[in-house]
Amino acid sequence: MRNMIDWSSCPAVERWPDRVSGVWVFAGTRVPVAALFENLESGATASEFVDWFPGVTLKQVQSVLDQAAKSATAKKQ
């Protein structure tokens, strides 16, 4: 089973049931967090992602990556 990331403690993202089907998006945008990982997996850099998705900042990207890394290294309780 895939380990799910708890985005609720990441200030760079938000989720609203009536926006973008309720998926986690970068705060203040309609850009899904999943788009970052899809683009990185395809070889894009964080700077390119920010250029391609206006409204998303490098600080937000770093915060999302930090949250994902923290989640990946967290021990199961």
N, C-alpha and C. Protein backbone atom coordinates (compact mmCIF):
# COMPACT_ATOMS: atom_id res chain seq x y z
N MET A 1 0.84 -1.19 0.00
CA MET A 1 0.00 0.00 0.00
C MET A 1 0.88 1.25 0.00
N ARG A 2 0.47 2.22 -0.72
CA ARG A 2 1.23 3.45 -0.87
C ARG A 2 1.12 4.32 0.38
N ASN A 3 2.25 4.85 0.83
CA ASN A 3 2.27 5.73 2.00
C ASN A 3 1.69 7.09 1.62
N MET A 4 0.67 7.51 2.31
CA MET A 4 0.02 8.78 2.02
C MET A 4 0.70 9.89 2.84
N ILE A 5 0.88 11.03 2.23
CA ILE A 5 1.49 12.17 2.90
C ILE A 5 0.40 12.99 3.56
N ASP A 6 0.64 13.38 4.80
CA ASP A 6 -0.30 14.23 5.52
C ASP A 6 0.03 15.68 5.20
N TRP A 7 -0.71 16.25 4.26
CA TRP A 7 -0.44 17.62 3.83
C TRP A 7 -1.03 18.66 4.79
N SER A 8 -1.84 18.23 5.74
CA SER A 8 -2.54 19.18 6.61
C SER A 8 -1.61 20.07 7.42
N SER A 9 -0.38 19.67 7.65
CA SER A 9 0.55 20.49 8.43
C SER A 9 1.52 21.28 7.54
N CYS A 10 1.28 21.27 6.23
CA CYS A 10 2.15 21.99 5.29
C CYS A 10 1.47 23.30 4.91
N PRO A 11 2.05 24.44 5.31
CA PRO A 11 1.41 25.73 5.04
C PRO A 11 1.39 26.13 3.56
N ALA A 12 2.14 25.43 2.73
CA ALA A 12 2.22 25.78 1.32
C ALA A 12 1.06 25.25 0.50
N VAL A 13 0.22 24.41 1.11
CA VAL A 13 -0.88 23.79 0.37
C VAL A 13 -2.21 23.98 1.09
N GLU A 14 -3.28 23.79 0.33
CA GLU A 14 -4.63 23.88 0.89
C GLU A 14 -5.55 22.97 0.10
N ARG A 15 -6.69 22.68 0.70
CA ARG A 15 -7.67 21.83 0.03
C ARG A 15 -9.06 22.34 0.37
N TRP A 16 -9.88 22.47 -0.67
CA TRP A 16 -11.26 22.92 -0.53
C TRP A 16 -12.14 21.96 -1.31
N PRO A 17 -13.18 21.42 -0.70
CA PRO A 17 -14.04 20.45 -1.38
C PRO A 17 -14.62 20.92 -2.70
N ASP A 18 -14.86 22.24 -2.82
CA ASP A 18 -15.51 22.76 -4.03
C ASP A 18 -14.52 23.29 -5.08
N ARG A 19 -13.21 23.08 -4.86
CA ARG A 19 -12.21 23.53 -5.83
C ARG A 19 -11.34 22.37 -6.27
N VAL A 20 -11.13 22.25 -7.54
CA VAL A 20 -10.25 21.24 -8.15
C VAL A 20 -10.54 19.85 -7.56
N SER A 21 -11.80 19.52 -7.47
CA SER A 21 -12.26 18.22 -6.97
C SER A 21 -11.76 17.88 -5.57
N GLY A 22 -11.40 18.88 -4.81
CA GLY A 22 -10.99 18.65 -3.43
C GLY A 22 -9.58 18.13 -3.24
N VAL A 23 -8.76 18.15 -4.30
CA VAL A 23 -7.38 17.69 -4.16
C VAL A 23 -6.53 18.79 -3.52
N TRP A 24 -5.39 18.39 -2.96
CA TRP A 24 -4.46 19.36 -2.38
C TRP A 24 -3.85 20.18 -3.51
N VAL A 25 -3.87 21.50 -3.34
CA VAL A 25 -3.30 22.43 -4.32
C VAL A 25 -2.34 23.37 -3.61
N PHE A 26 -1.47 24.00 -4.38
CA PHE A 26 -0.60 25.02 -3.80
C PHE A 26 -1.48 26.18 -3.34
N ALA A 27 -1.23 26.66 -2.14
CA ALA A 27 -2.05 27.71 -1.54
C ALA A 27 -2.15 28.92 -2.47
N GLY A 28 -3.37 29.41 -2.63
CA GLY A 28 -3.63 30.57 -3.46
C GLY A 28 -3.69 30.29 -4.94
N THR A 29 -3.64 28.99 -5.31
CA THR A 29 -3.68 28.62 -6.73
C THR A 29 -4.67 27.49 -6.94
N ARG A 30 -4.78 27.05 -8.17
CA ARG A 30 -5.56 25.86 -8.49
C ARG A 30 -4.62 24.76 -9.01
N VAL A 31 -3.33 24.88 -8.71
CA VAL A 31 -2.33 23.94 -9.19
C VAL A 31 -2.22 22.76 -8.21
N PRO A 32 -2.58 21.56 -8.65
CA PRO A 32 -2.50 20.40 -7.76
C PRO A 32 -1.06 20.09 -7.35
N VAL A 33 -0.88 19.69 -6.11
CA VAL A 33 0.44 19.29 -5.62
C VAL A 33 0.97 18.13 -6.46
N ALA A 34 0.09 17.24 -6.88
CA ALA A 34 0.51 16.10 -7.69
C ALA A 34 1.21 16.54 -8.97
N ALA A 35 0.86 17.72 -9.50
CA ALA A 35 1.49 18.21 -10.73
C ALA A 35 2.99 18.43 -10.52
N LEU A 36 3.38 18.84 -9.32
CA LEU A 36 4.80 19.02 -9.05
C LEU A 36 5.54 17.70 -9.20
N PHE A 37 5.03 16.65 -8.56
CA PHE A 37 5.71 15.36 -8.60
C PHE A 37 5.70 14.76 -10.00
N GLU A 38 4.62 14.95 -10.72
CA GLU A 38 4.55 14.45 -12.10
C GLU A 38 5.60 15.14 -12.97
N ASN A 39 5.75 16.44 -12.80
CA ASN A 39 6.74 17.18 -13.59
C ASN A 39 8.16 16.84 -13.18
N LEU A 40 8.41 16.69 -11.90
CA LEU A 40 9.75 16.31 -11.44
C LEU A 40 10.12 14.92 -11.96
N GLU A 41 9.17 14.00 -11.92
CA GLU A 41 9.41 12.65 -12.42
C GLU A 41 9.72 12.66 -13.92
N SER A 42 9.19 13.65 -14.63
CA SER A 42 9.43 13.75 -16.07
C SER A 42 10.73 14.49 -16.39
N GLY A 43 11.45 14.92 -15.35
CA GLY A 43 12.74 15.56 -15.56
C GLY A 43 12.77 17.06 -15.41
N ALA A 44 11.65 17.67 -15.07
CA ALA A 44 11.62 19.12 -14.89
C ALA A 44 12.35 19.51 -13.60
N THR A 45 12.82 20.72 -13.56
CA THR A 45 13.41 21.26 -12.34
C THR A 45 12.35 22.04 -11.57
N ALA A 46 12.63 22.33 -10.32
CA ALA A 46 11.70 23.13 -9.52
C ALA A 46 11.53 24.52 -10.13
N SER A 47 12.61 25.08 -10.65
CA SER A 47 12.53 26.41 -11.27
C SER A 47 11.66 26.39 -12.52
N GLU A 48 11.78 25.35 -13.31
CA GLU A 48 10.93 25.23 -14.50
C GLU A 48 9.46 25.11 -14.09
N PHE A 49 9.19 24.31 -13.08
CA PHE A 49 7.82 24.14 -12.60
C PHE A 49 7.21 25.48 -12.21
N VAL A 50 7.97 26.27 -11.45
CA VAL A 50 7.48 27.58 -11.02
C VAL A 50 7.24 28.49 -12.23
N ASP A 51 8.11 28.40 -13.22
CA ASP A 51 7.91 29.20 -14.44
C ASP A 51 6.64 28.77 -15.18
N TRP A 52 6.37 27.49 -15.21
CA TRP A 52 5.23 26.95 -15.95
C TRP A 52 3.89 27.15 -15.23
N PHE A 53 3.94 27.30 -13.91
CA PHE A 53 2.71 27.41 -13.12
C PHE A 53 2.72 28.71 -12.32
N PRO A 54 2.31 29.81 -12.96
CA PRO A 54 2.29 31.10 -12.27
C PRO A 54 1.47 31.03 -10.98
N GLY A 55 1.97 31.69 -9.97
CA GLY A 55 1.31 31.69 -8.67
C GLY A 55 1.98 30.76 -7.69
N VAL A 56 2.67 29.75 -8.18
CA VAL A 56 3.42 28.83 -7.31
C VAL A 56 4.82 29.41 -7.13
N THR A 57 5.30 29.44 -5.89
CA THR A 57 6.62 29.99 -5.60
C THR A 57 7.62 28.88 -5.30
N LEU A 58 8.90 29.21 -5.44
CA LEU A 58 9.93 28.24 -5.08
C LEU A 58 9.86 27.89 -3.60
N LYS A 59 9.47 28.85 -2.78
CA LYS A 59 9.33 28.58 -1.34
C LYS A 59 8.23 27.53 -1.11
N GLN A 60 7.13 27.63 -1.82
CA GLN A 60 6.06 26.64 -1.70
C GLN A 60 6.55 25.26 -2.16
N VAL A 61 7.27 25.24 -3.28
CA VAL A 61 7.79 23.97 -3.80
C VAL A 61 8.71 23.34 -2.77
N GLN A 62 9.61 24.13 -2.18
CA GLN A 62 10.54 23.60 -1.18
C GLN A 62 9.78 23.08 0.03
N SER A 63 8.76 23.78 0.45
CA SER A 63 7.96 23.34 1.59
C SER A 63 7.27 22.00 1.30
N VAL A 64 6.74 21.85 0.09
CA VAL A 64 6.09 20.60 -0.30
C VAL A 64 7.11 19.46 -0.34
N LEU A 65 8.27 19.73 -0.91
CA LEU A 65 9.31 18.69 -0.97
C LEU A 65 9.80 18.32 0.44
N ASP A 66 9.93 19.31 1.30
CA ASP A 66 10.32 19.03 2.69
C ASP A 66 9.28 18.17 3.40
N GLN A 67 8.01 18.49 3.19
CA GLN A 67 6.93 17.71 3.81
C GLN A 67 6.94 16.27 3.29
N ALA A 68 7.15 16.10 2.00
CA ALA A 68 7.20 14.75 1.42
C ALA A 68 8.38 13.97 1.96
N ALA A 69 9.54 14.63 2.09
CA ALA A 69 10.72 13.97 2.63
C ALA A 69 10.51 13.58 4.08
N LYS A 70 9.91 14.47 4.85
CA LYS A 70 9.63 14.19 6.26
C LYS A 70 8.69 12.99 6.38
N SER A 71 7.69 12.95 5.52
CA SER A 71 6.73 11.86 5.54
C SER A 71 7.41 10.53 5.14
N ALA A 72 8.32 10.60 4.18
CA ALA A 72 8.99 9.39 3.69
C ALA A 72 9.92 8.81 4.74
N THR A 73 10.46 9.65 5.60
CA THR A 73 11.41 9.16 6.60
C THR A 73 10.77 8.92 7.97
N ALA A 74 9.49 9.27 8.10
CA ALA A 74 8.80 9.06 9.38
C ALA A 74 8.63 7.58 9.65
N LYS A 75 8.84 7.21 10.89
CA LYS A 75 8.65 5.81 11.27
C LYS A 75 7.18 5.53 11.47
N LYS A 76 6.78 4.32 11.08
CA LYS A 76 5.38 3.93 11.30
C LYS A 76 5.17 3.76 12.79
N GLN A 77 4.06 4.24 13.25
CA GLN A 77 3.75 4.17 14.69
C GLN A 77 2.97 2.93 15.00
